[in-house]
Protein backbone atom coordinates (compact mmCIF):
# COMPACT_ATOMS: atom_id res chain seq x y z
CA MET A 1 12.46 57.41 0.06
CA THR A 2 10.87 53.92 -0.86
CA MET A 3 12.28 51.19 -2.60
CA GLN A 4 9.59 51.79 -5.61
CA SER A 5 10.64 55.39 -6.01
CA LEU A 6 14.36 54.49 -6.09
CA ARG A 7 13.45 51.88 -8.74
CA ASN A 8 11.51 54.67 -10.69
CA GLN A 9 14.47 56.88 -10.52
CA PHE A 10 17.15 54.10 -11.50
CA SER A 11 14.87 53.19 -14.54
CA LYS A 12 15.29 56.79 -15.96
CA LEU A 13 19.02 56.72 -15.62
CA PRO A 14 19.69 55.22 -19.02
CA ILE A 15 17.56 57.65 -20.58
CA HIS A 16 19.07 60.88 -18.97
CA ILE A 17 22.76 59.35 -19.83
CA VAL A 18 21.51 59.11 -23.58
CA ILE A 19 20.20 62.50 -23.56
CA ILE A 20 23.36 64.01 -21.75
CA GLY A 21 25.62 61.96 -24.24
CA ILE A 22 23.59 63.64 -27.31
CA CYS A 23 24.22 67.13 -25.81
CA VAL A 24 27.66 66.60 -25.11
CA ILE A 25 28.21 65.20 -28.78
CA TRP A 26 26.55 68.33 -30.31
CA LEU A 27 28.12 70.85 -27.96
CA ILE A 28 31.68 69.84 -28.42
CA PRO A 29 31.87 70.66 -31.96
CA THR A 30 30.08 73.97 -31.53
CA LEU A 31 32.47 74.81 -28.73
CA GLY A 32 35.29 73.91 -31.10
CA PHE A 33 33.72 75.88 -33.99
CA MET A 34 33.43 79.09 -31.24
CA VAL A 35 37.06 78.79 -30.34
CA ILE A 36 38.27 78.56 -33.89
CA SER A 37 36.19 81.92 -34.55
CA LEU A 38 38.55 83.62 -32.19
CA ARG A 39 41.56 82.38 -33.24
CA THR A 40 44.23 83.82 -35.26
CA VAL A 41 44.54 81.84 -38.90
CA GLN A 42 48.16 81.11 -37.95
CA ASP A 43 47.10 79.33 -34.91
CA ALA A 44 44.21 77.77 -36.49
CA ASN A 45 46.67 76.24 -39.14
CA GLU A 46 49.12 74.88 -36.84
CA THR A 47 47.41 73.47 -33.82
CA GLY A 48 43.84 72.01 -33.04
CA TRP A 49 41.44 74.12 -31.12
CA TRP A 50 41.64 72.20 -27.88
CA THR A 51 45.36 73.43 -27.08
CA THR A 52 43.52 76.85 -26.16
CA LEU A 53 42.18 74.83 -22.93
CA SER A 54 46.10 74.92 -22.04
CA ASP A 55 47.40 77.95 -20.56
CA GLN A 56 50.65 77.14 -21.92
CA PRO A 57 50.52 75.36 -25.42
CA GLY A 58 53.54 73.47 -26.03
CA ALA A 59 54.29 73.18 -22.41
CA ALA A 60 54.01 69.20 -22.56
CA GLU A 61 56.24 68.98 -25.24
CA TYR A 62 58.99 71.26 -23.59
CA GLU A 63 58.81 69.27 -20.29
CA GLN A 64 59.45 66.07 -22.18
CA SER A 65 62.44 67.18 -24.30
CA CYS A 66 64.05 70.01 -22.52
CA ALA A 67 62.82 70.67 -18.73
CA GLU A 68 65.58 68.08 -17.22
CA CYS A 69 68.37 70.06 -18.62
CA HIS A 70 67.05 73.65 -18.91
CA GLY A 71 64.56 73.64 -16.01
CA ALA A 72 60.78 74.43 -16.40
CA SER A 73 61.50 78.31 -16.31
CA GLY A 74 64.51 77.64 -19.11
CA ALA A 75 67.12 79.53 -16.54
CA ALA A 76 68.53 76.38 -15.30
CA LEU A 77 71.70 76.54 -17.68
CA PRO A 78 73.46 79.94 -17.55
CA ASP A 79 75.18 79.76 -20.66
CA ALA A 80 71.78 78.67 -22.59
CA ASP A 81 69.38 80.27 -20.53
CA LEU A 82 66.04 79.99 -22.49
CA SER A 83 64.53 82.78 -20.34
CA ASN A 84 66.66 85.51 -21.90
CA PRO A 85 64.79 87.25 -24.70
CA ASP A 86 67.96 88.14 -26.55
CA LEU A 87 69.06 84.55 -26.97
CA VAL A 88 65.55 83.03 -27.95
CA SER A 89 64.97 85.83 -30.28
CA ASN A 90 67.50 84.63 -32.85
CA PHE A 91 65.31 81.29 -33.40
CA SER A 92 62.60 82.79 -35.32
CA ARG A 93 62.02 79.41 -36.99
CA SER A 94 61.88 75.75 -35.41
CA ILE A 95 64.31 74.38 -38.15
CA GLN A 96 66.94 76.72 -36.45
CA LEU A 97 66.76 74.68 -33.57
CA VAL A 98 67.86 71.45 -35.14
CA ALA A 99 71.28 73.01 -36.01
CA THR A 100 71.76 73.05 -32.13
CA PHE A 101 71.14 69.29 -31.67
CA ASN A 102 74.74 67.85 -32.72
CA LYS A 103 76.36 70.27 -30.77
CA GLU A 104 78.35 69.31 -27.94
CA PHE A 105 77.97 70.62 -24.44
CA ASN A 106 80.29 69.36 -21.52
CA GLY A 107 81.34 66.59 -23.83
CA GLN A 108 77.83 65.23 -24.50
CA ILE A 109 75.46 65.69 -27.74
CA HIS A 110 73.16 68.45 -26.92
CA LEU A 111 70.01 66.00 -27.98
CA PRO A 112 70.58 62.50 -28.90
CA GLU A 113 68.95 60.89 -32.18
CA ALA A 114 66.41 59.03 -30.04
CA ALA A 115 65.24 61.97 -28.00
CA ARG A 116 64.92 64.52 -30.86
CA PRO A 117 61.35 65.58 -31.27
CA ASP A 118 59.31 65.48 -34.23
CA ALA A 119 58.53 68.82 -36.57
CA GLU A 120 55.42 69.74 -34.79
CA SER A 121 56.45 69.20 -31.40
CA LEU A 122 59.85 71.18 -32.04
CA ALA A 123 57.57 74.17 -33.45
CA ASN A 124 55.47 74.03 -30.20
CA ILE A 125 58.58 73.88 -28.05
CA LEU A 126 59.84 77.06 -29.71
CA ASP A 127 56.49 78.50 -29.36
CA HIS A 128 56.68 77.79 -25.71
CA MET A 129 60.11 79.35 -25.22
CA ARG A 130 59.34 82.53 -27.09
CA ARG A 131 56.62 83.02 -24.62
CA ILE A 132 58.64 82.06 -21.34
CA SER A 133 61.36 84.29 -22.31
CA GLY A 134 58.74 87.17 -23.20
CA VAL A 135 59.58 87.24 -26.77
CA ASP A 136 55.84 86.57 -27.31
CA GLU A 137 53.09 87.60 -25.47
CA LEU A 138 50.58 84.80 -23.57
CA PRO A 139 48.11 84.39 -25.06
CA ARG A 140 49.10 84.79 -28.60
CA ALA A 141 46.14 83.19 -30.12
CA TRP A 142 43.15 85.32 -29.82
CA THR A 143 42.04 87.83 -32.32
CA ASN A 144 38.77 89.84 -33.35
CA ASN A 145 37.83 87.91 -36.43
CA TYR A 146 34.09 89.03 -36.15
CA GLU A 147 35.03 92.62 -36.81
CA ASP A 148 36.75 91.24 -40.18
CA ALA A 149 33.56 89.14 -40.99
CA LEU A 150 31.13 92.00 -40.35
CA VAL A 151 33.11 94.96 -42.48
CA GLY A 152 33.91 91.92 -45.06
CA CYS A 153 37.98 92.37 -44.60
CA ARG A 154 39.65 90.16 -47.33
CA GLY A 155 43.34 91.77 -46.72
CA THR A 156 46.50 90.15 -45.84
CA ASP A 157 45.47 90.30 -41.97
CA THR A 158 43.07 91.03 -39.75
CA TYR A 159 40.83 94.74 -40.45
CA GLU A 160 42.73 96.56 -37.50
CA SER A 161 46.36 95.47 -38.67
CA ASP A 162 45.64 96.23 -42.11
CA CYS A 163 44.59 99.56 -41.42
CA ALA A 164 47.40 100.41 -39.17
CA ALA A 165 49.65 99.15 -42.20
CA GLY A 166 47.63 101.12 -44.63
CA THR A 167 47.26 97.85 -46.87
CA GLN A 168 43.17 97.56 -46.34
CA SER A 169 41.09 96.75 -49.09
CA VAL A 170 40.09 99.52 -51.43
CA ASP A 171 36.57 99.48 -50.48
CA LEU A 172 37.70 99.99 -47.20
CA THR A 173 37.92 103.28 -45.59
CA CYS A 174 39.01 102.15 -42.03
CA ASP A 175 36.21 104.13 -40.45
CA LEU A 176 34.42 101.13 -38.68
CA ALA A 177 30.93 102.86 -38.72
CA SER A 178 31.42 103.36 -42.61
CA ASP A 179 32.87 100.03 -43.20
CA LEU A 180 29.87 98.27 -41.73
CA GLY A 181 28.15 99.10 -44.72
CA ASN A 182 30.18 97.57 -47.10
CA PRO A 183 28.30 95.42 -49.24
CA ARG A 184 30.69 92.79 -49.07
CA GLY A 185 30.23 92.32 -45.38
CA MET A 186 28.17 90.55 -42.91
CA ALA A 187 26.81 93.66 -41.34
CA ILE A 188 24.67 94.89 -44.32
CA ALA A 189 23.75 91.10 -45.28
CA PHE A 190 22.21 90.69 -41.78
CA LEU A 191 19.42 93.12 -42.77
CA ASN A 192 18.32 91.32 -45.95
CA PRO A 193 17.18 88.30 -44.72
CA ILE A 194 15.02 90.19 -42.07
CA TYR A 195 13.50 91.87 -44.87
CA VAL A 196 12.67 88.79 -46.39
CA ALA A 197 12.21 86.40 -43.33
CA ILE A 198 9.71 88.50 -41.42
CA PRO A 199 7.26 89.11 -44.39
CA ALA A 200 7.62 85.64 -45.63
CA THR A 201 6.62 84.29 -42.22
CA LEU A 202 3.71 86.50 -41.32
CA LEU A 203 1.87 85.69 -44.86
CA PRO A 204 1.58 82.27 -44.65
CA PHE A 205 1.10 82.48 -40.72
CA ILE A 206 -2.10 84.89 -41.74
CA PHE A 207 -3.22 83.11 -44.65
CA ALA A 208 -3.12 79.64 -43.02
CA ALA A 209 -4.84 80.97 -40.01
CA VAL A 210 -7.64 81.76 -42.16
CA ALA A 211 -7.68 78.69 -44.33
CA ARG A 212 -7.42 76.27 -41.62
CA TYR A 213 -10.53 77.46 -39.80
CA ALA A 214 -12.41 77.31 -43.27
CA PHE A 215 -11.35 73.55 -43.82
CA ALA A 216 -11.96 72.77 -40.13
CA TRP A 217 -15.53 74.52 -39.58
CA LEU A 218 -17.04 75.96 -42.69
CA HIS A 219 -18.96 73.04 -44.77
CA PHE A 220 -18.91 73.99 -48.45
CA ARG A 221 -18.82 71.65 -51.40
CA GLY A 222 -15.83 70.19 -52.39
CA ARG A 223 -14.08 71.13 -49.11
CA ILE A 224 -12.44 67.58 -48.35
CA ALA A 225 -11.17 67.22 -52.32
CA LEU A 226 -10.02 71.11 -52.18
CA PHE A 227 -7.74 70.04 -48.77
CA ALA A 228 -6.56 66.69 -50.60
CA VAL A 229 -5.29 68.54 -53.81
CA LEU A 230 -3.43 71.24 -51.41
CA ILE A 231 -1.91 68.36 -49.65
CA GLY A 232 -0.83 66.85 -52.60
CA PHE A 233 0.85 69.80 -54.10
CA GLN A 234 3.37 69.44 -51.13
CA ILE A 235 5.18 66.58 -53.12
CA ILE A 236 6.34 69.33 -56.04
CA PRO A 237 9.94 69.76 -55.58
CA LEU A 238 10.74 73.40 -55.11
CA GLN A 239 13.65 73.21 -57.65
CA MET A 240 11.13 72.25 -60.55
CA THR A 241 9.34 75.78 -60.39
CA LEU A 242 12.50 78.00 -60.17
CA ILE A 243 12.53 78.47 -64.03
CA PRO A 244 8.92 79.04 -64.61
CA ILE A 245 8.45 81.31 -61.86
CA SER A 246 11.80 83.21 -62.80
CA ARG A 247 10.43 83.63 -66.40
CA LEU A 248 6.99 84.89 -65.01
CA TYR A 249 8.91 87.28 -62.56
CA ALA A 250 10.95 88.68 -65.39
CA GLN A 251 7.86 89.36 -67.38
CA ILE A 252 5.87 91.41 -64.51
CA GLY A 253 9.17 92.70 -62.94
CA LEU A 254 9.76 90.91 -60.03
CA ASN A 255 13.07 89.28 -60.07
CA GLY A 256 15.55 90.99 -57.67
CA THR A 257 12.72 92.16 -55.47
CA PHE A 258 11.76 91.40 -52.01
CA LEU A 259 8.05 90.94 -52.99
CA GLY A 260 8.97 88.21 -55.42
CA VAL A 261 10.79 86.32 -52.72
CA TRP A 262 8.06 87.01 -50.27
CA LEU A 263 5.37 85.27 -52.79
CA PHE A 264 7.77 82.47 -53.45
CA HIS A 265 8.10 81.38 -50.06
CA THR A 266 4.41 82.31 -49.10
CA GLY A 267 3.36 79.76 -51.82
CA PHE A 268 5.49 76.98 -50.79
CA GLY A 269 4.98 77.54 -46.95
CA LEU A 270 1.37 77.69 -47.12
CA LEU A 271 0.63 74.04 -47.99
CA TYR A 272 2.28 72.64 -44.85
CA ALA A 273 0.92 75.53 -42.77
CA ILE A 274 -2.63 74.69 -43.99
CA TYR A 275 -2.02 71.10 -43.11
CA LEU A 276 -0.40 71.62 -39.57
CA MET A 277 -3.21 74.29 -38.73
CA ARG A 278 -6.39 72.44 -40.15
CA ASN A 279 -5.47 69.30 -38.16
CA PHE A 280 -4.89 71.30 -34.83
CA ILE A 281 -7.95 73.59 -35.12
CA GLY A 282 -10.08 70.17 -35.95
CA SER A 283 -8.87 68.68 -33.05
CA LEU A 284 -10.51 71.48 -30.79
CA PRO A 285 -13.54 70.61 -28.75
CA ARG A 286 -16.52 70.99 -31.17
CA GLU A 287 -18.57 72.31 -28.18
CA ILE A 288 -16.61 75.42 -27.67
CA PHE A 289 -17.66 76.65 -31.18
CA GLU A 290 -21.22 75.31 -31.28
CA SER A 291 -21.64 77.25 -27.89
CA ALA A 292 -20.39 80.47 -29.79
CA TYR A 293 -22.75 79.95 -32.51
CA LEU A 294 -25.70 79.53 -30.27
CA GLU A 295 -24.72 82.84 -28.75
CA GLY A 296 -25.13 84.42 -31.97
CA ALA A 297 -21.43 84.70 -32.82
CA SER A 298 -20.31 84.94 -36.59
CA HIS A 299 -17.45 82.85 -37.93
CA TRP A 300 -15.04 85.82 -37.79
CA THR A 301 -15.79 86.29 -34.04
CA ALA A 302 -15.42 82.39 -33.46
CA PHE A 303 -12.21 82.64 -35.48
CA TYR A 304 -10.80 85.72 -33.75
CA ARG A 305 -11.80 84.88 -30.08
CA LEU A 306 -11.77 81.37 -30.20
CA ALA A 307 -9.51 79.56 -32.85
CA LEU A 308 -6.95 81.97 -32.82
CA PRO A 309 -5.97 82.04 -28.92
CA LEU A 310 -6.42 78.05 -28.52
CA SER A 311 -4.03 77.79 -31.80
CA VAL A 312 -1.31 79.50 -30.01
CA PRO A 313 1.12 76.55 -29.68
CA ALA A 314 0.51 75.40 -33.44
CA LEU A 315 1.03 78.89 -34.64
CA ALA A 316 4.51 79.42 -32.62
CA SER A 317 5.61 76.00 -34.15
CA LEU A 318 4.74 77.07 -37.59
CA ALA A 319 6.43 80.47 -37.15
CA ILE A 320 9.45 78.76 -35.79
CA PHE A 321 9.88 76.26 -38.82
CA GLN A 322 8.99 78.78 -41.51
CA PHE A 323 11.36 81.49 -40.11
CA LEU A 324 14.40 79.12 -39.75
CA TRP A 325 13.61 77.68 -43.35
CA VAL A 326 13.36 81.24 -44.88
CA TRP A 327 16.45 82.18 -42.91
CA ASN A 328 18.76 79.78 -44.01
CA ASP A 329 17.54 79.48 -47.56
CA LEU A 330 20.35 79.81 -50.29
CA LEU A 331 18.73 78.52 -53.39
CA VAL A 332 15.90 80.64 -53.66
CA ALA A 333 17.84 84.05 -52.60
CA SER A 334 20.42 83.29 -55.08
CA VAL A 335 18.06 82.87 -57.89
CA TYR A 336 15.62 85.61 -57.25
CA LEU A 337 17.88 88.25 -55.30
CA GLY A 338 21.30 87.24 -56.29
CA GLY A 339 23.95 89.66 -55.43
CA THR A 340 21.80 92.73 -55.49
CA ARG A 341 20.48 92.02 -52.31
CA PRO A 342 22.72 89.31 -50.64
CA GLY A 343 21.22 87.51 -47.97
CA LEU A 344 23.40 86.28 -45.18
CA THR A 345 23.74 82.30 -46.72
CA TYR A 346 24.83 84.39 -49.94
CA GLN A 347 27.36 86.20 -48.10
CA ILE A 348 28.63 83.27 -46.44
CA ASN A 349 29.08 81.53 -49.49
CA ASP A 350 30.63 84.64 -51.07
CA LEU A 351 33.39 85.20 -48.33
CA VAL A 352 35.81 82.30 -49.76
CA GLN A 353 37.42 83.24 -52.80
CA SER A 354 37.99 80.85 -55.73
CA LEU A 355 41.22 79.84 -54.35
CA GLY A 356 40.05 78.99 -50.90
CA GLY A 357 41.33 82.67 -49.27
CA GLY A 358 38.99 83.84 -46.63
CA TRP A 359 38.39 80.55 -44.87
CA GLN A 360 38.99 81.74 -41.42
CA LEU A 361 35.79 84.18 -41.96
CA LEU A 362 33.31 81.34 -42.20
CA THR A 363 33.20 80.43 -38.74
CA GLU A 364 32.41 83.70 -37.48
CA ALA A 365 30.04 84.40 -40.28
CA ALA A 366 28.06 81.15 -39.22
CA PHE A 367 27.91 82.44 -35.65
CA ILE A 368 26.74 85.91 -36.70
CA SER A 369 23.95 84.04 -38.91
CA ILE A 370 22.71 81.76 -36.14
CA LEU A 371 22.16 84.86 -33.80
CA LEU A 372 18.46 85.97 -34.68
CA PRO A 373 17.33 82.22 -35.32
CA GLN A 374 18.54 81.41 -31.70
CA ILE A 375 16.52 84.29 -30.15
CA VAL A 376 13.29 83.17 -32.10
CA PHE A 377 13.63 79.62 -31.15
CA PHE A 378 14.19 80.17 -27.46
CA ALA A 379 11.40 82.68 -27.43
CA LEU A 380 8.96 80.03 -28.68
CA GLN A 381 10.51 76.76 -27.80
CA ARG A 382 7.82 76.27 -25.00
CA TYR A 383 5.25 75.92 -27.54
CA CYS A 384 7.37 73.81 -30.11
CA VAL A 385 6.80 70.32 -28.94
CA ARG A 386 2.98 71.04 -28.41
CA GLY A 387 2.93 72.51 -31.75
CA LEU A 388 4.63 69.30 -33.40
CA THR A 389 2.14 66.93 -31.88
CA ALA A 390 -1.14 69.43 -32.89
CA GLY A 391 -3.74 67.29 -34.24
CA SER A 392 -2.00 63.91 -33.56
CA VAL A 393 -4.46 63.02 -30.60
CA LYS A 394 -8.12 63.57 -31.00
CA GLY A 395 -10.37 63.95 -28.23
């Protein structure tokens, strides 16, 4: 390897470090989010998600305060054998350990004032004692919260434990196949945004593909002015149109229907779609279309045989952004569909009760909601960057 090639490699090193750093900054919270979604509510309340990376949560506090006398296994003192489940089961709360600190053993105080752990460390020590004695199983932290989110369980505990104890909500039957259809669960709400997002992506996709060809290659009077007016309409805030369109929908019976949401998303997505597609197709070599016209091709043939295949990067980029916008929409879905046909965003918002109950389901619901967008993005991501720069360079 030559000196010049080494310089080139090292010159790219800062860029690589920055990219890796950005990835780490994004991935660590995502990892924490995923871990929290698999933990019990009690563990999520008491300890941070990073404590699950250790096989023995609380082992460090135990080692610092107790291991010198009781040993790593807890069995070093026969009269105070912490590996004995009968002994440890007497301590159900960490406050009960405090009562033993002032007792004397062999003429010495059990735990001097300066060496006593704080309340949080003491709770972790008790958890560790209950695990090494076999009172609690290891690991204690994992649970199937995704099942709770899918069926919309808002009981006192998990869906499985509620069903076993007979304390499930009145709208749950404890038959999983039947409970997946619960209107308050994420399973049924997963279908509604699919019914909305696919047509609301395809309609702007189709209309913009035809319109972009007309603006780029058909010469008619007022073409530039009409294109400028369409682009100018993009500055109109979406919120300004909610009430007028809602009143119009009420008159023609489109409130609470999928058709009304499709038309709304199509109207607002079409402007950017035409702008993106017109710039891209306008940058295609003119000679290709002129040759097709000389061979007798009609505008429809040129559009179908040439424009569409050559515009795949821009079309894929448009599909990604339109689909993600519609999928993650809460405002339009709430106004025009409401609770009659709740989407994922509406259902996630509805999982948390007025006093904060059900917060543990938010992480699971969030991961359920990003499943399909991730599939769409990774399926089309190779076109994304090419589509973003569509029409930016001509020639």
